[in-house]
Structure formats: structure tokens, C-alpha cells
Amino acid sequence: MKLNKIRWIKKAGMAGMMCLLMVTSLAHSTDVIDDIASCIRGANTKELSKYFSSSVNMTLLNDEGIYSRVQAEIILRDFFGKNAPTDVKLAHKLDSSPNFRFVVLNLETTKDTFRVSYKLTNNEDVFQVTEFRIEPLY
């Protein structure tokens, strides 16, 4: 009888730990998504670039290319210099996979409204932006 109680306690403890790990993982991924949106809202390209992988597939309006983290930061700094953000709203978020996240934001600026989308890939337990797009919202 005592042995069954010990086994039950161990199983319950393991289940609790698994739940805690899952909740922590989900909270962390949401934080990354929120942090990136906050960087975009504030046009903080220096902080935003910290979330980029070493190379980023980027589309900015009609220009597309694969850029280093530093190049992507410079390109975005130029964009935000011409289009100061006034509001950012979450349009869509896909975060059910442990290895992949996809986010779509609506970015309102002083000149126009844009759709910003980015793909995050899990790289050694850290989500990094591997694709980043800014397109006009018609």
C-alpha cells in the first residue's frame, strides 16, 4: 500500500513538472512575439535585430533578399525613418508548434498602413526571426 502511494506521488510530480515546462515554454514564446511587436511599435531596430537569425530572408515593399542581421537592421532603420509607426495590432498568430511561430501584424504609420509578417524558428531553444516581410496593406 505504501509503495503504491510513493509511485502515485512520483507520477503526479512528473505530470506537474511536465505541465510547468509546457506553460513556461508557451509563456516564453508569447513573450518573444510581444517583444518583437513592441520593437516594431517603437521602431527600435537595434533591439529588433537581436531577435534575427544570422541571416534573414526579408521582403520590404518590392525589394527582396537575404540579409545579415546588421544589413536587415540598417534597411529597417531606413524604412522606419520614412514611416514612423503610430500603432501596431496583432492580426494573426500561429504558435502551436514547438519549433515554429508565424505572426502577422497590421502596422499603422504616419504615411500608410502595412502588413508585417515574420517567421520564427526554434534554434537551440531560442526562437529567431528567419523571415521578415513588410507589405502595403490595400
C-alpha atoms as a PDB file:
ATOM      1  CA  MET A   1       0.000   0.000   0.000  1.00  0.00           C
ATOM      2  CA  LYS A   2       2.773   2.418   0.923  1.00  0.00           C
ATOM      3  CA  LEU A   3       4.669   1.560  -2.285  1.00  0.00           C
ATOM      4  CA  ASN A   4       1.591   2.445  -4.402  1.00  0.00           C
ATOM      5  CA  LYS A   5       1.340   5.853  -2.694  1.00  0.00           C
ATOM      6  CA  ILE A   6       5.002   6.569  -3.429  1.00  0.00           C
ATOM      7  CA  ARG A   7       4.532   5.626  -7.100  1.00  0.00           C
ATOM      8  CA  TRP A   8       1.431   7.789  -7.331  1.00  0.00           C
ATOM      9  CA  ILE A   9       3.270  10.761  -5.793  1.00  0.00           C
ATOM     10  CA  LYS A  10       6.156  10.321  -8.230  1.00  0.00           C
ATOM     11  CA  LYS A  11       3.773  10.162 -11.201  1.00  0.00           C
ATOM     12  CA  ALA A  12       1.864  13.223 -10.011  1.00  0.00           C
ATOM     13  CA  GLY A  13       5.139  15.087  -9.505  1.00  0.00           C
ATOM     14  CA  MET A  14       6.303  14.215 -13.020  1.00  0.00           C
ATOM     15  CA  ALA A  15       2.967  15.275 -14.514  1.00  0.00           C
ATOM     16  CA  GLY A  16       3.176  18.560 -12.635  1.00  0.00           C
ATOM     17  CA  MET A  17       6.703  19.192 -13.873  1.00  0.00           C
ATOM     18  CA  MET A  18       5.651  18.481 -17.471  1.00  0.00           C
ATOM     19  CA  CYS A  19       2.747  20.935 -17.171  1.00  0.00           C
ATOM     20  CA  LEU A  20       5.060  23.569 -15.714  1.00  0.00           C
ATOM     21  CA  LEU A  21       7.540  23.113 -18.563  1.00  0.00           C
ATOM     22  CA  MET A  22       4.780  23.421 -21.170  1.00  0.00           C
ATOM     23  CA  VAL A  23       3.356  26.579 -19.599  1.00  0.00           C
ATOM     24  CA  THR A  24       6.841  28.105 -19.303  1.00  0.00           C
ATOM     25  CA  SER A  25       7.558  27.297 -22.944  1.00  0.00           C
ATOM     26  CA  LEU A  26       4.277  28.859 -24.107  1.00  0.00           C
ATOM     27  CA  ALA A  27       4.813  31.938 -21.968  1.00  0.00           C
ATOM     28  CA  HIS A  28       8.326  32.379 -23.389  1.00  0.00           C
ATOM     29  CA  SER A  29       7.126  32.139 -27.000  1.00  0.00           C
ATOM     30  CA  THR A  30       4.382  34.674 -26.331  1.00  0.00           C
ATOM     31  CA  ASP A  31       6.946  36.981 -24.732  1.00  0.00           C
ATOM     32  CA  VAL A  32       9.096  36.811 -27.883  1.00  0.00           C
ATOM     33  CA  ILE A  33       6.110  37.616 -30.081  1.00  0.00           C
ATOM     34  CA  ASP A  34       5.115  40.514 -27.814  1.00  0.00           C
ATOM     35  CA  ASP A  35       8.703  41.764 -27.546  1.00  0.00           C
ATOM     36  CA  ILE A  36       9.114  41.849 -31.332  1.00  0.00           C
ATOM     37  CA  ALA A  37       5.784  43.670 -31.746  1.00  0.00           C
ATOM     38  CA  SER A  38       6.925  46.183 -29.133  1.00  0.00           C
ATOM     39  CA  CYS A  39      10.192  46.766 -31.024  1.00  0.00           C
ATOM     40  CA  ILE A  40       8.238  47.361 -34.225  1.00  0.00           C
ATOM     41  CA  ARG A  41       5.793  49.698 -32.436  1.00  0.00           C
ATOM     42  CA  GLY A  42       8.742  51.749 -31.141  1.00  0.00           C
ATOM     43  CA  ALA A  43      10.782  51.473 -34.365  1.00  0.00           C
ATOM     44  CA  ASN A  44      13.583  50.059 -32.213  1.00  0.00           C
ATOM     45  CA  THR A  45      15.590  48.334 -34.932  1.00  0.00           C
ATOM     46  CA  LYS A  46      18.612  47.756 -32.712  1.00  0.00           C
ATOM     47  CA  GLU A  47      16.573  45.710 -30.236  1.00  0.00           C
ATOM     48  CA  LEU A  48      14.547  44.081 -33.030  1.00  0.00           C
ATOM     49  CA  SER A  49      17.705  42.843 -34.758  1.00  0.00           C
ATOM     50  CA  LYS A  50      18.635  40.874 -31.619  1.00  0.00           C
ATOM     51  CA  TYR A  51      15.776  38.511 -32.473  1.00  0.00           C
ATOM     52  CA  PHE A  52      17.035  37.927 -36.042  1.00  0.00           C
ATOM     53  CA  SER A  53      18.935  34.816 -37.032  1.00  0.00           C
ATOM     54  CA  SER A  54      22.381  35.364 -38.559  1.00  0.00           C
ATOM     55  CA  SER A  55      20.708  35.710 -41.968  1.00  0.00           C
ATOM     56  CA  VAL A  56      17.158  36.872 -42.638  1.00  0.00           C
ATOM     57  CA  ASN A  57      15.050  36.375 -45.737  1.00  0.00           C
ATOM     58  CA  MET A  58      13.490  39.821 -45.948  1.00  0.00           C
ATOM     59  CA  THR A  59      10.911  41.422 -48.204  1.00  0.00           C
ATOM     60  CA  LEU A  60      10.424  45.151 -47.805  1.00  0.00           C
ATOM     61  CA  LEU A  61       7.763  46.526 -50.125  1.00  0.00           C
ATOM     62  CA  ASN A  62       9.097  45.427 -53.541  1.00  0.00           C
ATOM     63  CA  ASP A  63      12.675  44.567 -52.529  1.00  0.00           C
ATOM     64  CA  GLU A  64      13.524  41.018 -51.536  1.00  0.00           C
ATOM     65  CA  GLY A  65      16.770  39.442 -50.439  1.00  0.00           C
ATOM     66  CA  ILE A  66      18.697  37.501 -47.861  1.00  0.00           C
ATOM     67  CA  TYR A  67      20.483  39.842 -45.487  1.00  0.00           C
ATOM     68  CA  SER A  68      22.761  39.584 -42.493  1.00  0.00           C
ATOM     69  CA  ARG A  69      21.408  40.687 -39.136  1.00  0.00           C
ATOM     70  CA  VAL A  70      23.265  44.028 -39.442  1.00  0.00           C
ATOM     71  CA  GLN A  71      22.090  44.664 -43.021  1.00  0.00           C
ATOM     72  CA  ALA A  72      18.488  43.908 -42.051  1.00  0.00           C
ATOM     73  CA  GLU A  73      18.728  46.360 -39.156  1.00  0.00           C
ATOM     74  CA  ILE A  74      20.028  49.125 -41.441  1.00  0.00           C
ATOM     75  CA  ILE A  75      17.287  48.505 -44.029  1.00  0.00           C
ATOM     76  CA  LEU A  76      14.576  48.575 -41.358  1.00  0.00           C
ATOM     77  CA  ARG A  77      16.046  51.691 -39.722  1.00  0.00           C
ATOM     78  CA  ASP A  78      15.747  53.449 -43.087  1.00  0.00           C
ATOM     79  CA  PHE A  79      12.153  52.214 -43.527  1.00  0.00           C
ATOM     80  CA  PHE A  80      11.086  53.369 -40.047  1.00  0.00           C
ATOM     81  CA  GLY A  81      12.853  56.701 -40.613  1.00  0.00           C
ATOM     82  CA  LYS A  82      10.479  57.306 -43.503  1.00  0.00           C
ATOM     83  CA  ASN A  83       7.437  55.582 -41.928  1.00  0.00           C
ATOM     84  CA  ALA A  84       7.187  56.349 -38.226  1.00  0.00           C
ATOM     85  CA  PRO A  85       4.887  53.811 -36.504  1.00  0.00           C
ATOM     86  CA  THR A  86       1.743  55.119 -34.836  1.00  0.00           C
ATOM     87  CA  ASP A  87       0.098  51.777 -33.943  1.00  0.00           C
ATOM     88  CA  VAL A  88       0.633  48.026 -34.213  1.00  0.00           C
ATOM     89  CA  LYS A  89      -2.172  45.475 -33.976  1.00  0.00           C
ATOM     90  CA  LEU A  90      -1.890  41.711 -33.934  1.00  0.00           C
ATOM     91  CA  ALA A  91      -3.799  40.271 -36.901  1.00  0.00           C
ATOM     92  CA  HIS A  92      -2.794  36.593 -36.706  1.00  0.00           C
ATOM     93  CA  LYS A  93      -0.572  34.367 -34.620  1.00  0.00           C
ATOM     94  CA  LEU A  94       0.357  30.725 -35.187  1.00  0.00           C
ATOM     95  CA  ASP A  95       2.194  29.415 -32.130  1.00  0.00           C
ATOM     96  CA  SER A  96       1.070  25.811 -31.660  1.00  0.00           C
ATOM     97  CA  SER A  97       4.292  24.194 -32.911  1.00  0.00           C
ATOM     98  CA  PRO A  98       7.298  23.837 -30.593  1.00  0.00           C
ATOM     99  CA  ASN A  99       9.667  24.661 -33.492  1.00  0.00           C
ATOM    100  CA  PHE A 100       7.848  27.309 -35.489  1.00  0.00           C
ATOM    101  CA  ARG A 101       5.935  30.555 -34.958  1.00  0.00           C
ATOM    102  CA  PHE A 102       4.289  32.818 -37.533  1.00  0.00           C
ATOM    103  CA  VAL A 103       2.916  36.276 -36.769  1.00  0.00           C
ATOM    104  CA  VAL A 104       1.044  38.881 -38.821  1.00  0.00           C
ATOM    105  CA  LEU A 105       0.742  42.462 -37.586  1.00  0.00           C
ATOM    106  CA  ASN A 106      -1.014  45.499 -39.007  1.00  0.00           C
ATOM    107  CA  LEU A 107       1.378  48.440 -38.795  1.00  0.00           C
ATOM    108  CA  GLU A 108      -0.036  51.946 -38.999  1.00  0.00           C
ATOM    109  CA  THR A 109       2.492  54.664 -39.756  1.00  0.00           C
ATOM    110  CA  THR A 110       2.365  58.391 -40.325  1.00  0.00           C
ATOM    111  CA  LYS A 111       2.189  57.750 -44.081  1.00  0.00           C
ATOM    112  CA  ASP A 112       0.431  54.435 -44.696  1.00  0.00           C
ATOM    113  CA  THR A 113      -0.702  51.088 -43.285  1.00  0.00           C
ATOM    114  CA  PHE A 114       1.393  47.969 -43.793  1.00  0.00           C
ATOM    115  CA  ARG A 115       1.151  44.276 -43.115  1.00  0.00           C
ATOM    116  CA  VAL A 116       4.173  42.932 -41.248  1.00  0.00           C
ATOM    117  CA  SER A 117       4.676  39.188 -41.094  1.00  0.00           C
ATOM    118  CA  TYR A 118       7.535  37.210 -39.666  1.00  0.00           C
ATOM    119  CA  LYS A 119       8.504  33.601 -39.135  1.00  0.00           C
ATOM    120  CA  LEU A 120      10.283  32.470 -36.001  1.00  0.00           C
ATOM    121  CA  THR A 121      12.219  29.216 -35.980  1.00  0.00           C
ATOM    122  CA  ASN A 122      13.386  27.406 -32.860  1.00  0.00           C
ATOM    123  CA  ASN A 123      17.190  27.341 -32.871  1.00  0.00           C
ATOM    124  CA  GLU A 124      18.623  25.577 -29.810  1.00  0.00           C
ATOM    125  CA  ASP A 125      15.620  26.539 -27.631  1.00  0.00           C
ATOM    126  CA  VAL A 126      15.674  30.173 -28.804  1.00  0.00           C
ATOM    127  CA  PHE A 127      13.165  31.492 -31.323  1.00  0.00           C
ATOM    128  CA  GLN A 128      14.807  33.591 -34.031  1.00  0.00           C
ATOM    129  CA  VAL A 129      13.308  35.538 -36.913  1.00  0.00           C
ATOM    130  CA  THR A 130      14.273  33.826 -40.166  1.00  0.00           C
ATOM    131  CA  GLU A 131      11.782  35.577 -42.468  1.00  0.00           C
ATOM    132  CA  PHE A 132      10.505  39.147 -42.219  1.00  0.00           C
ATOM    133  CA  ARG A 133       8.100  40.911 -44.608  1.00  0.00           C
ATOM    134  CA  ILE A 134       6.614  44.397 -44.797  1.00  0.00           C
ATOM    135  CA  GLU A 135       3.978  44.841 -47.484  1.00  0.00           C
ATOM    136  CA  PRO A 136       1.443  47.573 -48.240  1.00  0.00           C
ATOM    137  CA  LEU A 137      -1.996  46.847 -46.826  1.00  0.00           C
ATOM    138  CA  TYR A 138      -4.508  47.595 -49.541  1.00  0.00           C
END
